[in-house]
Amino acid sequence: MLDFANLFNSLIMKKVYTLLAFLFVALSVQAQTSVTVAVDMTGQSGFDAVFVAGAFQNWTPGDGALVDQGNGVWARTYELAPGEYQYKFGKGNDWGDNEGGGLSEACGVDDNNGAFNRVITVGDEPMTVVFEYDSCDESQLPVNVNEISTISGVQVFPNPMVGNAMIRFENNANVAHDIAVSNIHGQVVRQFHGVRGNSLELDRGNLAAGLYLVTFRNDRNEAGTVRLMVQ
């Protein structure tokens, strides 16, 4: 014979655990801080792209393309949890021509490869840091991240996502987009390159329950971000 009292209590506890998990994710997201990392490339040559790689994105140059601000400064904004992160800038989109030799203990830590990594300490307030390339000197050039165009019409459905989800965005010019899915720690868990058209089907696969950020970027200096909840 069914024990309805125990069954009822079990269902109530499952709902409580689900609610607590949702609140935990929500609080984790609220703890994220907007951090803009920027580098002044004035006087540098021999490059057509600039990247940042660091502990906040698994030291992956291909996931750290910066946006050219048009005044010699290249920048990108991340949502990071408070803490200390090491990072460095480089030319192109892969390791090989990156900074480090011109840095010192004044602004970095030994990377155990004969050079230095930069260090940034993230708190609760939004921040912007801009340095001259391969130097500890701060740049006086402005960072106009807010002037980056935004990709419009970005949406994900269903959201929350249980199985697969459809990502849609406006792309009348049919330009290629790079799309990345990151968890709340800034780690890229899915990425798609050269996406044309105006939609992409996202397979949940092994994505754990929680909140994710879906970011878009193309070579027309346009970017966009949308939040995705996975149940």
Protein backbone atom coordinates (compact mmCIF):
# COMPACT_ATOMS: atom_id res chain seq x y z
CA MET A 1 0.00 0.00 0.00
CA LEU A 2 1.32 3.42 -0.93
CA ASP A 3 2.47 5.64 1.90
CA PHE A 4 0.92 8.89 0.66
CA ALA A 5 2.38 10.92 3.53
CA ASN A 6 5.95 9.92 2.65
CA LEU A 7 5.26 10.37 -1.06
CA PHE A 8 3.90 13.86 -0.43
CA ASN A 9 6.89 14.79 1.73
CA SER A 10 9.27 13.45 -0.92
CA LEU A 11 7.65 15.60 -3.62
CA ILE A 12 7.79 18.66 -1.38
CA MET A 13 11.50 18.11 -0.66
CA LYS A 14 12.29 17.75 -4.37
CA LYS A 15 10.61 21.09 -5.04
CA VAL A 16 12.53 22.68 -2.17
CA TYR A 17 15.86 21.34 -3.50
CA THR A 18 15.02 22.60 -6.99
CA LEU A 19 14.17 26.05 -5.62
CA LEU A 20 17.36 26.17 -3.57
CA ALA A 21 19.44 25.18 -6.61
CA PHE A 22 17.78 27.92 -8.67
CA LEU A 23 18.44 30.50 -5.94
CA PHE A 24 22.06 29.38 -5.71
CA VAL A 25 22.55 29.90 -9.45
CA ALA A 26 20.77 33.25 -9.31
CA LEU A 27 22.97 34.44 -6.45
CA SER A 28 26.06 33.25 -8.31
CA VAL A 29 25.06 35.28 -11.34
CA GLN A 30 24.40 38.36 -9.22
CA ALA A 31 27.94 38.03 -7.88
CA GLN A 32 29.41 38.43 -11.36
CA THR A 33 31.28 41.67 -12.07
CA SER A 34 31.68 43.35 -15.46
CA VAL A 35 35.40 43.58 -16.22
CA THR A 36 36.74 45.20 -19.38
CA VAL A 37 40.30 44.24 -20.29
CA ALA A 38 41.91 46.47 -22.89
CA VAL A 39 45.31 46.97 -24.48
CA ASP A 40 46.83 49.96 -26.26
CA MET A 41 48.43 48.72 -29.50
CA THR A 42 49.70 52.14 -30.59
CA GLY A 43 53.16 51.76 -32.10
CA GLN A 44 52.75 48.01 -32.64
CA SER A 45 52.82 46.48 -36.13
CA GLY A 46 52.51 43.18 -37.95
CA PHE A 47 49.07 42.16 -36.71
CA ASP A 48 45.44 42.21 -37.82
CA ALA A 49 43.89 40.82 -34.64
CA VAL A 50 44.54 40.92 -30.89
CA PHE A 51 43.54 38.41 -28.23
CA VAL A 52 43.49 38.06 -24.47
CA ALA A 53 44.03 34.70 -22.81
CA GLY A 54 43.77 34.05 -19.10
CA ALA A 55 42.58 31.96 -16.21
CA PHE A 56 39.03 33.27 -16.71
CA GLN A 57 38.68 31.50 -20.10
CA ASN A 58 41.06 28.53 -19.82
CA TRP A 59 43.98 30.33 -21.48
CA THR A 60 42.45 29.88 -24.93
CA PRO A 61 43.53 32.57 -27.46
CA GLY A 62 40.86 31.55 -29.96
CA ASP A 63 38.14 32.43 -27.43
CA GLY A 64 39.63 35.78 -26.50
CA ALA A 65 39.38 37.95 -29.63
CA LEU A 66 39.36 41.65 -28.72
CA VAL A 67 37.35 44.36 -30.46
CA ASP A 68 39.21 47.18 -32.22
CA GLN A 69 38.01 50.48 -30.72
CA GLY A 70 39.39 52.45 -33.65
CA ASN A 71 41.80 54.56 -31.58
CA GLY A 72 44.59 52.03 -31.08
CA VAL A 73 42.85 50.30 -28.17
CA TRP A 74 41.47 46.76 -28.39
CA ALA A 75 39.05 45.61 -25.67
CA ARG A 76 36.62 42.99 -24.45
CA THR A 77 34.25 42.76 -21.48
CA TYR A 78 33.81 39.66 -19.32
CA GLU A 79 31.45 38.81 -16.47
CA LEU A 80 33.71 37.44 -13.73
CA ALA A 81 33.31 36.29 -10.16
CA PRO A 82 35.36 38.27 -7.61
CA GLY A 83 38.89 36.93 -7.28
CA GLU A 84 42.39 37.13 -8.74
CA TYR A 85 43.09 36.20 -12.36
CA GLN A 86 46.25 35.96 -14.46
CA TYR A 87 46.17 36.86 -18.15
CA LYS A 88 48.16 38.27 -21.06
CA PHE A 89 47.59 39.77 -24.50
CA GLY A 90 48.84 38.54 -27.87
CA LYS A 91 48.82 39.37 -31.56
CA GLY A 92 46.78 37.31 -34.02
CA ASN A 93 44.58 34.53 -32.71
CA ASP A 94 47.01 31.98 -31.29
CA TRP A 95 50.12 31.66 -29.16
CA GLY A 96 53.43 32.60 -30.74
CA ASP A 97 53.52 36.39 -30.73
CA ASN A 98 52.33 37.36 -27.28
CA GLU A 99 53.48 39.74 -24.58
CA GLY A 100 55.33 38.81 -21.42
CA GLY A 101 58.97 39.74 -21.96
CA GLY A 102 58.30 43.44 -21.38
CA LEU A 103 56.35 42.86 -18.17
CA SER A 104 57.80 42.69 -14.68
CA GLU A 105 56.93 42.03 -11.05
CA ALA A 106 55.50 45.54 -10.94
CA CYS A 107 52.39 44.37 -12.78
CA GLY A 108 52.61 40.60 -13.03
CA VAL A 109 53.84 37.24 -11.82
CA ASP A 110 56.39 34.82 -13.24
CA ASP A 111 54.78 32.50 -15.82
CA ASN A 112 57.58 29.93 -15.39
CA ASN A 113 58.54 30.37 -19.05
CA GLY A 114 60.94 33.27 -18.73
CA ALA A 115 58.24 35.95 -18.90
CA PHE A 116 55.37 37.35 -16.84
CA ASN A 117 51.58 37.16 -16.74
CA ARG A 118 49.44 40.15 -15.88
CA VAL A 119 47.29 39.94 -12.75
CA ILE A 120 43.89 41.48 -12.15
CA THR A 121 41.96 41.48 -8.87
CA VAL A 122 38.19 41.58 -9.41
CA GLY A 123 35.92 42.97 -6.72
CA ASP A 124 32.23 43.82 -6.59
CA GLU A 125 32.39 46.98 -8.73
CA PRO A 126 32.62 47.09 -12.56
CA MET A 127 36.13 47.90 -13.70
CA THR A 128 38.18 48.70 -16.80
CA VAL A 129 41.92 48.14 -17.11
CA VAL A 130 43.94 49.31 -20.11
CA PHE A 131 47.70 48.93 -20.48
CA GLU A 132 50.21 49.53 -23.22
CA TYR A 133 51.10 46.30 -25.00
CA ASP A 134 53.89 44.32 -23.30
CA SER A 135 54.36 47.06 -20.73
CA CYS A 136 53.36 47.79 -17.15
CA ASP A 137 52.47 51.36 -18.13
CA GLU A 138 48.79 52.25 -18.09
CA SER A 139 47.43 53.77 -21.29
CA GLN A 140 45.75 57.17 -21.26
CA LEU A 141 43.61 56.37 -24.31
CA PRO A 142 39.86 56.00 -23.67
CA VAL A 143 38.05 52.67 -23.90
CA ASN A 144 34.72 53.07 -25.66
CA VAL A 145 33.29 49.59 -25.16
CA ASN A 146 29.74 50.95 -25.13
CA GLU A 147 30.18 52.05 -28.75
CA ILE A 148 30.38 48.45 -29.98
CA SER A 149 27.32 47.71 -32.09
CA THR A 150 24.87 45.19 -30.68
CA ILE A 151 23.45 42.26 -32.62
CA SER A 152 19.69 42.66 -32.39
CA GLY A 153 16.90 40.13 -32.14
CA VAL A 154 18.96 37.67 -30.09
CA GLN A 155 16.77 35.06 -28.40
CA VAL A 156 16.88 31.48 -27.18
CA PHE A 157 13.84 29.22 -26.90
CA PRO A 158 12.72 27.29 -25.06
CA ASN A 159 14.37 29.08 -22.16
CA PRO A 160 14.73 27.40 -19.66
CA MET A 161 16.14 24.63 -21.83
CA VAL A 162 15.48 20.95 -21.12
CA GLY A 163 16.50 19.19 -24.33
CA ASN A 164 17.55 21.10 -27.43
CA ALA A 165 17.11 24.85 -27.88
CA MET A 166 17.02 27.17 -30.88
CA ILE A 167 19.21 30.29 -30.93
CA ARG A 168 18.01 33.06 -33.24
CA PHE A 169 19.42 36.46 -34.15
CA GLU A 170 19.11 39.05 -36.90
CA ASN A 171 21.58 38.53 -39.74
CA ASN A 172 20.18 40.16 -42.86
CA ALA A 173 23.67 40.57 -44.35
CA ASN A 174 24.39 36.85 -43.85
CA VAL A 175 27.76 37.54 -42.19
CA ALA A 176 29.63 34.81 -40.33
CA HIS A 177 29.27 34.77 -36.54
CA ASP A 178 31.27 33.11 -33.79
CA ILE A 179 28.97 31.87 -31.04
CA ALA A 180 30.15 30.69 -27.63
CA VAL A 181 28.31 29.23 -24.65
CA SER A 182 29.98 29.95 -21.29
CA ASN A 183 29.14 28.87 -17.77
CA ILE A 184 28.93 31.27 -14.82
CA HIS A 185 32.67 30.87 -14.22
CA GLY A 186 33.48 32.23 -17.69
CA GLN A 187 34.55 28.84 -19.05
CA VAL A 188 33.56 28.21 -22.68
CA VAL A 189 31.68 24.90 -22.87
CA ARG A 190 30.45 25.11 -26.47
CA GLN A 191 31.61 27.16 -29.43
CA PHE A 192 30.60 27.49 -33.06
CA HIS A 193 32.59 29.33 -35.73
CA GLY A 194 31.46 30.84 -39.01
CA VAL A 195 27.73 30.53 -38.34
CA ARG A 196 25.69 32.15 -41.12
CA GLY A 197 21.95 32.50 -41.49
CA ASN A 198 19.98 33.61 -38.45
CA SER A 199 19.60 30.51 -36.29
CA LEU A 200 21.50 27.69 -34.63
CA GLU A 201 20.19 24.59 -32.89
CA LEU A 202 21.89 23.93 -29.56
CA ASP A 203 22.00 20.33 -28.36
CA ARG A 204 22.05 20.10 -24.57
CA GLY A 205 24.33 17.07 -24.59
CA ASN A 206 26.25 17.02 -21.30
CA LEU A 207 25.45 20.59 -20.22
CA ALA A 208 24.80 20.57 -16.48
CA ALA A 209 21.80 22.37 -15.02
CA GLY A 210 22.50 26.03 -14.35
CA LEU A 211 22.84 29.43 -15.98
CA TYR A 212 24.92 30.08 -19.11
CA LEU A 213 25.80 33.07 -21.28
CA VAL A 214 25.51 32.78 -25.06
CA THR A 215 27.74 35.37 -26.74
CA PHE A 216 27.87 36.41 -30.39
CA ARG A 217 30.61 38.22 -32.28
CA ASN A 218 31.36 38.94 -35.94
CA ASP A 219 33.95 40.79 -38.01
CA ARG A 220 31.68 43.83 -38.38
CA ASN A 221 32.44 44.86 -34.79
CA GLU A 222 29.04 43.64 -33.62
CA ALA A 223 28.42 41.63 -30.47
CA GLY A 224 25.52 40.30 -28.46
CA THR A 225 24.81 38.29 -25.31
CA VAL A 226 21.79 36.40 -24.02
CA ARG A 227 21.31 34.33 -20.87
CA LEU A 228 20.28 30.68 -21.06
CA MET A 229 18.94 28.61 -18.17
CA VAL A 230 19.40 24.83 -18.42
CA GLN A 231 17.14 22.69 -16.24
